[in-house]
Amino acid sequence: MRIDAVLQSHRGWVIAVSAVLPPVVCAVLALFTDAVANTTAALVLVLFVVAAAATGIRPAGVLAALTAAAGFDYFLTAPLHTFTISDPADIETAVLLLLVGGAVGEIALWGRRQQAFASREQGYLDGVIGTAATVAAGRSSADALVDRVCAQITSVLRIDTCRFDPATRYGLPALSDEGLLVRDGRTVDIARRGLPTDTAVALPARAGGEIRGHFLLIASTRVVRPSRNQLRVAVTLANQAGAALAGSTRADARAHPGTRTG
């Protein structure tokens, strides 16, 4: 992930290098036309296109494919140093270079997206497991755990902020245990409309069938469309906090047997 951050921070340079490097490679290969067949040169250029696409920056991969085909035409096909190709076989190679380079670049980008998705899913799982372990071990106070869960929910859903309120009744839109958003008695299509920006969303923290409070989710600065998996992770985290709050209530009741608890 650190390499990705570096590449994105130098996005302009990455695109420029990706566009310039294939023609430079073609110019170098042109010095060895007697020893390197055009088909071999095309395979070498595909490698550079894949490398450009592997940066995760789509314009870099697209430009690399275009300039690779142009460089191949200009430096390696007769008549040389023109954008005219006389040999039909070279025309086929140039077209295939462009098509294969573009296709392979898209596949490389798809692979990176899948890797990023898997990394996010693993992060969600690690957060749930870590919180569950904390609840089971009782290493943190209920307030500290609630703060931790708030931070994790904010990260998972990519919302602006989250805070906990011990109130058990709200007239706000609420997330169900299935990760569905219910507003005014109707289910909202989050994938299409996103989380509300005009009001907070109440996420109940349940334990033993009882609501121990609500996490108030705020996404007022931009529309966010968390996936169903992300919403389910948020519900799981909230319920783990609810279990911790229930345990804290029972502990207080044992410590102060004359005090009524809710």
Protein backbone atom coordinates (compact mmCIF):
# COMPACT_ATOMS: atom_id res chain seq x y z
CA MET A 1 0.00 0.00 0.00
CA ARG A 2 2.93 2.35 0.61
CA ILE A 3 4.07 1.91 -3.01
CA ASP A 4 0.54 2.73 -4.21
CA ALA A 5 0.56 5.93 -2.19
CA VAL A 6 3.89 6.96 -3.73
CA LEU A 7 2.66 6.24 -7.25
CA GLN A 8 -0.57 8.18 -6.70
CA SER A 9 1.32 11.13 -5.22
CA HIS A 10 3.47 11.24 -8.39
CA ARG A 11 0.60 10.47 -10.76
CA GLY A 12 1.65 13.01 -13.38
CA TRP A 13 5.18 11.67 -13.57
CA VAL A 14 3.97 8.07 -13.76
CA ILE A 15 1.70 8.92 -16.71
CA ALA A 16 4.47 10.85 -18.48
CA VAL A 17 7.03 8.08 -18.06
CA SER A 18 4.51 5.46 -19.17
CA ALA A 19 3.84 7.44 -22.35
CA VAL A 20 7.49 8.18 -23.18
CA LEU A 21 9.17 4.89 -22.31
CA PRO A 22 7.66 2.61 -25.04
CA PRO A 23 8.86 4.82 -27.95
CA VAL A 24 12.30 5.04 -26.33
CA VAL A 25 12.38 1.23 -26.11
CA CYS A 26 11.36 1.05 -29.77
CA ALA A 27 14.20 3.39 -30.71
CA VAL A 28 16.68 1.18 -28.87
CA LEU A 29 15.28 -1.99 -30.45
CA ALA A 30 15.61 -0.34 -33.86
CA LEU A 31 19.38 -0.48 -33.40
CA PHE A 32 19.14 -4.29 -33.36
CA THR A 33 16.60 -4.96 -36.09
CA ASP A 34 18.81 -7.65 -37.60
CA ALA A 35 18.87 -9.61 -34.34
CA VAL A 36 15.37 -8.89 -32.95
CA ALA A 37 12.26 -9.89 -34.86
CA ASN A 38 9.32 -7.53 -34.85
CA THR A 39 7.16 -10.10 -33.08
CA THR A 40 9.75 -10.31 -30.29
CA ALA A 41 9.88 -6.52 -30.08
CA ALA A 42 6.08 -6.46 -29.78
CA LEU A 43 6.22 -8.86 -26.83
CA VAL A 44 8.82 -6.66 -25.14
CA LEU A 45 6.53 -3.65 -25.58
CA VAL A 46 3.59 -5.56 -24.08
CA LEU A 47 5.68 -6.03 -20.93
CA PHE A 48 6.10 -2.26 -20.62
CA VAL A 49 2.36 -1.75 -21.13
CA VAL A 50 1.62 -4.24 -18.36
CA ALA A 51 4.13 -2.50 -16.10
CA ALA A 52 2.40 0.83 -16.75
CA ALA A 53 -1.03 -0.68 -16.07
CA ALA A 54 0.27 -2.34 -12.90
CA THR A 55 0.68 1.12 -11.35
CA GLY A 56 -3.10 1.19 -10.96
CA ILE A 57 -3.35 4.43 -12.97
CA ARG A 58 -5.55 3.77 -16.02
CA PRO A 59 -4.28 6.68 -18.19
CA ALA A 60 -0.75 5.34 -17.76
CA GLY A 61 -1.72 1.94 -19.16
CA VAL A 62 -3.79 3.40 -22.01
CA LEU A 63 -1.07 5.85 -23.08
CA ALA A 64 1.58 3.15 -22.85
CA ALA A 65 -0.45 0.95 -25.23
CA LEU A 66 -0.97 3.82 -27.69
CA THR A 67 2.62 5.03 -27.72
CA ALA A 68 3.91 1.44 -27.91
CA ALA A 69 1.88 0.88 -31.08
CA ALA A 70 2.98 4.25 -32.50
CA GLY A 71 6.63 3.62 -31.65
CA PHE A 72 6.48 0.15 -33.17
CA ASP A 73 5.08 1.63 -36.38
CA TYR A 74 7.59 4.50 -36.56
CA PHE A 75 10.84 2.75 -35.56
CA LEU A 76 10.42 -0.90 -36.42
CA THR A 77 8.28 -1.25 -39.56
CA ALA A 78 9.13 -0.42 -43.16
CA PRO A 79 9.22 2.28 -44.37
CA LEU A 80 11.12 3.39 -41.26
CA HIS A 81 10.54 6.73 -39.55
CA THR A 82 7.05 7.12 -40.98
CA PHE A 83 3.65 6.14 -39.72
CA THR A 84 3.08 4.02 -42.80
CA ILE A 85 3.34 0.23 -42.82
CA SER A 86 3.90 -1.63 -46.07
CA ASP A 87 4.06 -5.21 -44.81
CA PRO A 88 0.62 -6.68 -43.95
CA ALA A 89 2.23 -8.86 -41.29
CA ASP A 90 3.57 -5.74 -39.56
CA ILE A 91 0.12 -4.17 -39.73
CA GLU A 92 -1.32 -7.19 -37.96
CA THR A 93 1.43 -7.06 -35.35
CA ALA A 94 0.85 -3.35 -34.70
CA VAL A 95 -2.91 -3.82 -34.34
CA LEU A 96 -2.45 -6.84 -32.09
CA LEU A 97 0.09 -4.91 -30.01
CA LEU A 98 -2.47 -2.16 -29.43
CA LEU A 99 -5.34 -4.54 -28.69
CA VAL A 100 -3.38 -6.99 -26.56
CA GLY A 101 -1.60 -4.18 -24.71
CA GLY A 102 -4.92 -2.51 -23.91
CA ALA A 103 -6.59 -5.77 -22.90
CA VAL A 104 -3.70 -6.91 -20.72
CA GLY A 105 -3.58 -3.48 -19.13
CA GLU A 106 -7.27 -3.69 -18.22
CA ILE A 107 -6.75 -7.17 -16.79
CA ALA A 108 -3.87 -5.87 -14.69
CA LEU A 109 -6.06 -3.04 -13.41
CA TRP A 110 -8.85 -5.50 -12.61
CA GLY A 111 -6.38 -7.62 -10.65
CA ARG A 112 -5.28 -4.60 -8.63
CA ARG A 113 -8.89 -3.71 -7.84
CA GLN A 114 -9.54 -7.26 -6.69
CA GLN A 115 -6.43 -7.13 -4.52
CA ALA A 116 -7.54 -3.84 -2.99
CA PHE A 117 -11.01 -5.28 -2.37
CA ALA A 118 -9.54 -8.35 -0.67
CA SER A 119 -7.31 -6.12 1.44
CA ARG A 120 -10.32 -4.04 2.57
CA GLU A 121 -12.31 -7.17 3.39
CA GLN A 122 -9.38 -8.49 5.43
CA GLY A 123 -9.20 -5.15 7.22
CA TYR A 124 -12.90 -5.37 8.10
CA LEU A 125 -12.43 -8.89 9.41
CA ASP A 126 -9.39 -7.90 11.46
CA GLY A 127 -11.36 -5.05 13.01
CA VAL A 128 -14.24 -7.33 14.00
CA ILE A 129 -11.91 -10.00 15.40
CA GLY A 130 -9.86 -7.43 17.30
CA THR A 131 -12.94 -5.87 18.86
CA ALA A 132 -14.37 -9.29 19.74
CA ALA A 133 -11.11 -10.25 21.42
CA THR A 134 -11.12 -7.02 23.41
CA VAL A 135 -14.70 -7.63 24.54
CA ALA A 136 -13.93 -11.23 25.51
CA ALA A 137 -10.78 -10.31 27.42
CA GLY A 138 -12.32 -7.29 29.11
CA ARG A 139 -9.08 -5.37 28.63
CA SER A 140 -10.74 -2.03 27.88
CA SER A 141 -13.39 0.01 29.63
CA ALA A 142 -16.79 0.25 27.94
CA ASP A 143 -16.16 3.91 27.03
CA ALA A 144 -12.78 3.11 25.46
CA LEU A 145 -14.30 0.25 23.49
CA VAL A 146 -17.15 2.44 22.27
CA ASP A 147 -14.62 5.01 21.04
CA ARG A 148 -12.69 2.28 19.25
CA VAL A 149 -15.85 0.94 17.61
CA CYS A 150 -16.80 4.46 16.51
CA ALA A 151 -13.42 4.87 14.84
CA GLN A 152 -13.72 1.50 13.11
CA ILE A 153 -17.26 2.18 11.89
CA THR A 154 -16.16 5.56 10.52
CA SER A 155 -13.32 3.86 8.64
CA VAL A 156 -15.41 0.95 7.35
CA LEU A 157 -18.30 3.08 6.07
CA ARG A 158 -16.07 6.03 5.06
CA ILE A 159 -18.40 8.49 6.73
CA ASP A 160 -17.53 11.86 8.29
CA THR A 161 -17.91 10.95 11.93
CA CYS A 162 -19.62 8.68 14.43
CA ARG A 163 -20.63 9.17 18.04
CA PHE A 164 -22.41 7.06 20.63
CA ASP A 165 -25.59 8.03 22.43
CA PRO A 166 -27.00 5.80 25.21
CA ALA A 167 -30.57 6.72 24.25
CA THR A 168 -32.58 3.69 23.17
CA ARG A 169 -35.31 5.43 21.19
CA TYR A 170 -34.77 7.49 18.06
CA GLY A 171 -36.89 8.86 15.26
CA LEU A 172 -33.92 8.85 12.92
CA PRO A 173 -33.33 6.59 9.91
CA ALA A 174 -31.90 3.35 11.29
CA LEU A 175 -29.81 0.43 10.12
CA SER A 176 -31.30 -3.00 10.70
CA ASP A 177 -29.38 -6.13 11.69
CA GLU A 178 -29.37 -7.13 8.00
CA GLY A 179 -27.59 -3.91 7.04
CA LEU A 180 -30.72 -2.31 5.55
CA LEU A 181 -31.51 1.38 6.00
CA VAL A 182 -35.09 2.07 7.09
CA ARG A 183 -36.41 5.64 6.92
CA ASP A 184 -40.01 6.60 7.68
CA GLY A 185 -40.96 2.93 7.57
CA ARG A 186 -39.48 2.37 4.10
CA THR A 187 -36.27 0.67 3.05
CA VAL A 188 -33.79 2.98 1.30
CA ASP A 189 -31.64 1.70 -1.57
CA ILE A 190 -28.21 2.71 -0.25
CA ALA A 191 -26.41 1.42 -3.34
CA ARG A 192 -28.34 3.94 -5.46
CA ARG A 193 -29.11 6.83 -3.09
CA GLY A 194 -26.33 6.48 -0.52
CA LEU A 195 -26.55 7.30 3.17
CA PRO A 196 -28.61 10.40 4.01
CA THR A 197 -26.66 13.67 4.08
CA ASP A 198 -29.45 15.68 5.74
CA THR A 199 -29.66 13.67 8.94
CA ALA A 200 -27.75 11.22 11.10
CA VAL A 201 -28.37 7.48 10.84
CA ALA A 202 -28.97 5.52 14.03
CA LEU A 203 -27.14 2.21 14.33
CA PRO A 204 -28.47 0.27 17.34
CA ALA A 205 -26.02 -1.43 19.70
CA ARG A 206 -27.87 -4.58 20.73
CA ALA A 207 -27.10 -7.25 23.30
CA GLY A 208 -29.39 -10.02 24.48
CA GLY A 209 -32.24 -8.68 22.37
CA GLU A 210 -32.07 -5.26 24.06
CA ILE A 211 -30.84 -1.97 22.62
CA ARG A 212 -28.02 -0.53 24.73
CA GLY A 213 -27.72 2.70 22.81
CA HIS A 214 -27.14 3.99 19.28
CA PHE A 215 -24.16 4.90 17.21
CA LEU A 216 -25.06 8.04 15.28
CA LEU A 217 -23.53 7.94 11.80
CA ILE A 218 -22.99 11.26 10.05
CA ALA A 219 -22.16 11.59 6.35
CA SER A 220 -23.07 15.20 5.63
CA THR A 221 -20.21 16.39 3.40
CA ARG A 222 -20.57 13.83 0.60
CA VAL A 223 -22.73 10.92 -0.50
CA VAL A 224 -21.29 7.56 0.52
CA ARG A 225 -22.59 4.24 -0.75
CA PRO A 226 -21.23 1.50 1.50
CA SER A 227 -21.70 -2.07 0.32
CA ARG A 228 -23.92 -4.57 2.10
CA ASN A 229 -20.80 -6.24 3.52
CA GLN A 230 -19.56 -2.93 4.92
CA LEU A 231 -22.93 -2.29 6.54
CA ARG A 232 -23.01 -5.76 8.06
CA VAL A 233 -19.52 -5.22 9.50
CA ALA A 234 -20.72 -1.95 11.06
CA VAL A 235 -23.74 -3.76 12.57
CA THR A 236 -21.47 -6.49 13.97
CA LEU A 237 -19.12 -3.94 15.51
CA ALA A 238 -22.05 -2.05 17.06
CA ASN A 239 -23.44 -5.25 18.58
CA GLN A 240 -20.04 -6.12 20.03
CA ALA A 241 -20.05 -2.72 21.71
CA GLY A 242 -23.57 -3.48 22.93
CA ALA A 243 -22.32 -6.73 24.47
CA ALA A 244 -19.54 -4.84 26.22
CA LEU A 245 -22.00 -2.27 27.55
CA ALA A 246 -24.29 -5.03 28.79
CA GLY A 247 -21.36 -6.68 30.55
CA SER A 248 -20.38 -3.37 32.12
CA THR A 249 -23.95 -2.89 33.36
CA ARG A 250 -23.99 -6.34 34.94
CA ALA A 251 -20.62 -5.70 36.57
CA ASP A 252 -21.91 -2.44 38.04
CA ALA A 253 -24.99 -4.24 39.32
CA ARG A 254 -22.86 -6.84 41.09
CA ALA A 255 -20.64 -4.13 42.57
CA HIS A 256 -23.67 -2.10 43.74
CA PRO A 257 -26.45 -4.61 44.43
CA GLY A 258 -28.80 -1.99 45.77
CA THR A 259 -28.76 0.02 42.52
CA ARG A 260 -31.34 -0.62 39.81
CA THR A 261 -30.07 -1.00 36.24
CA GLY A 262 -32.04 -0.55 33.02
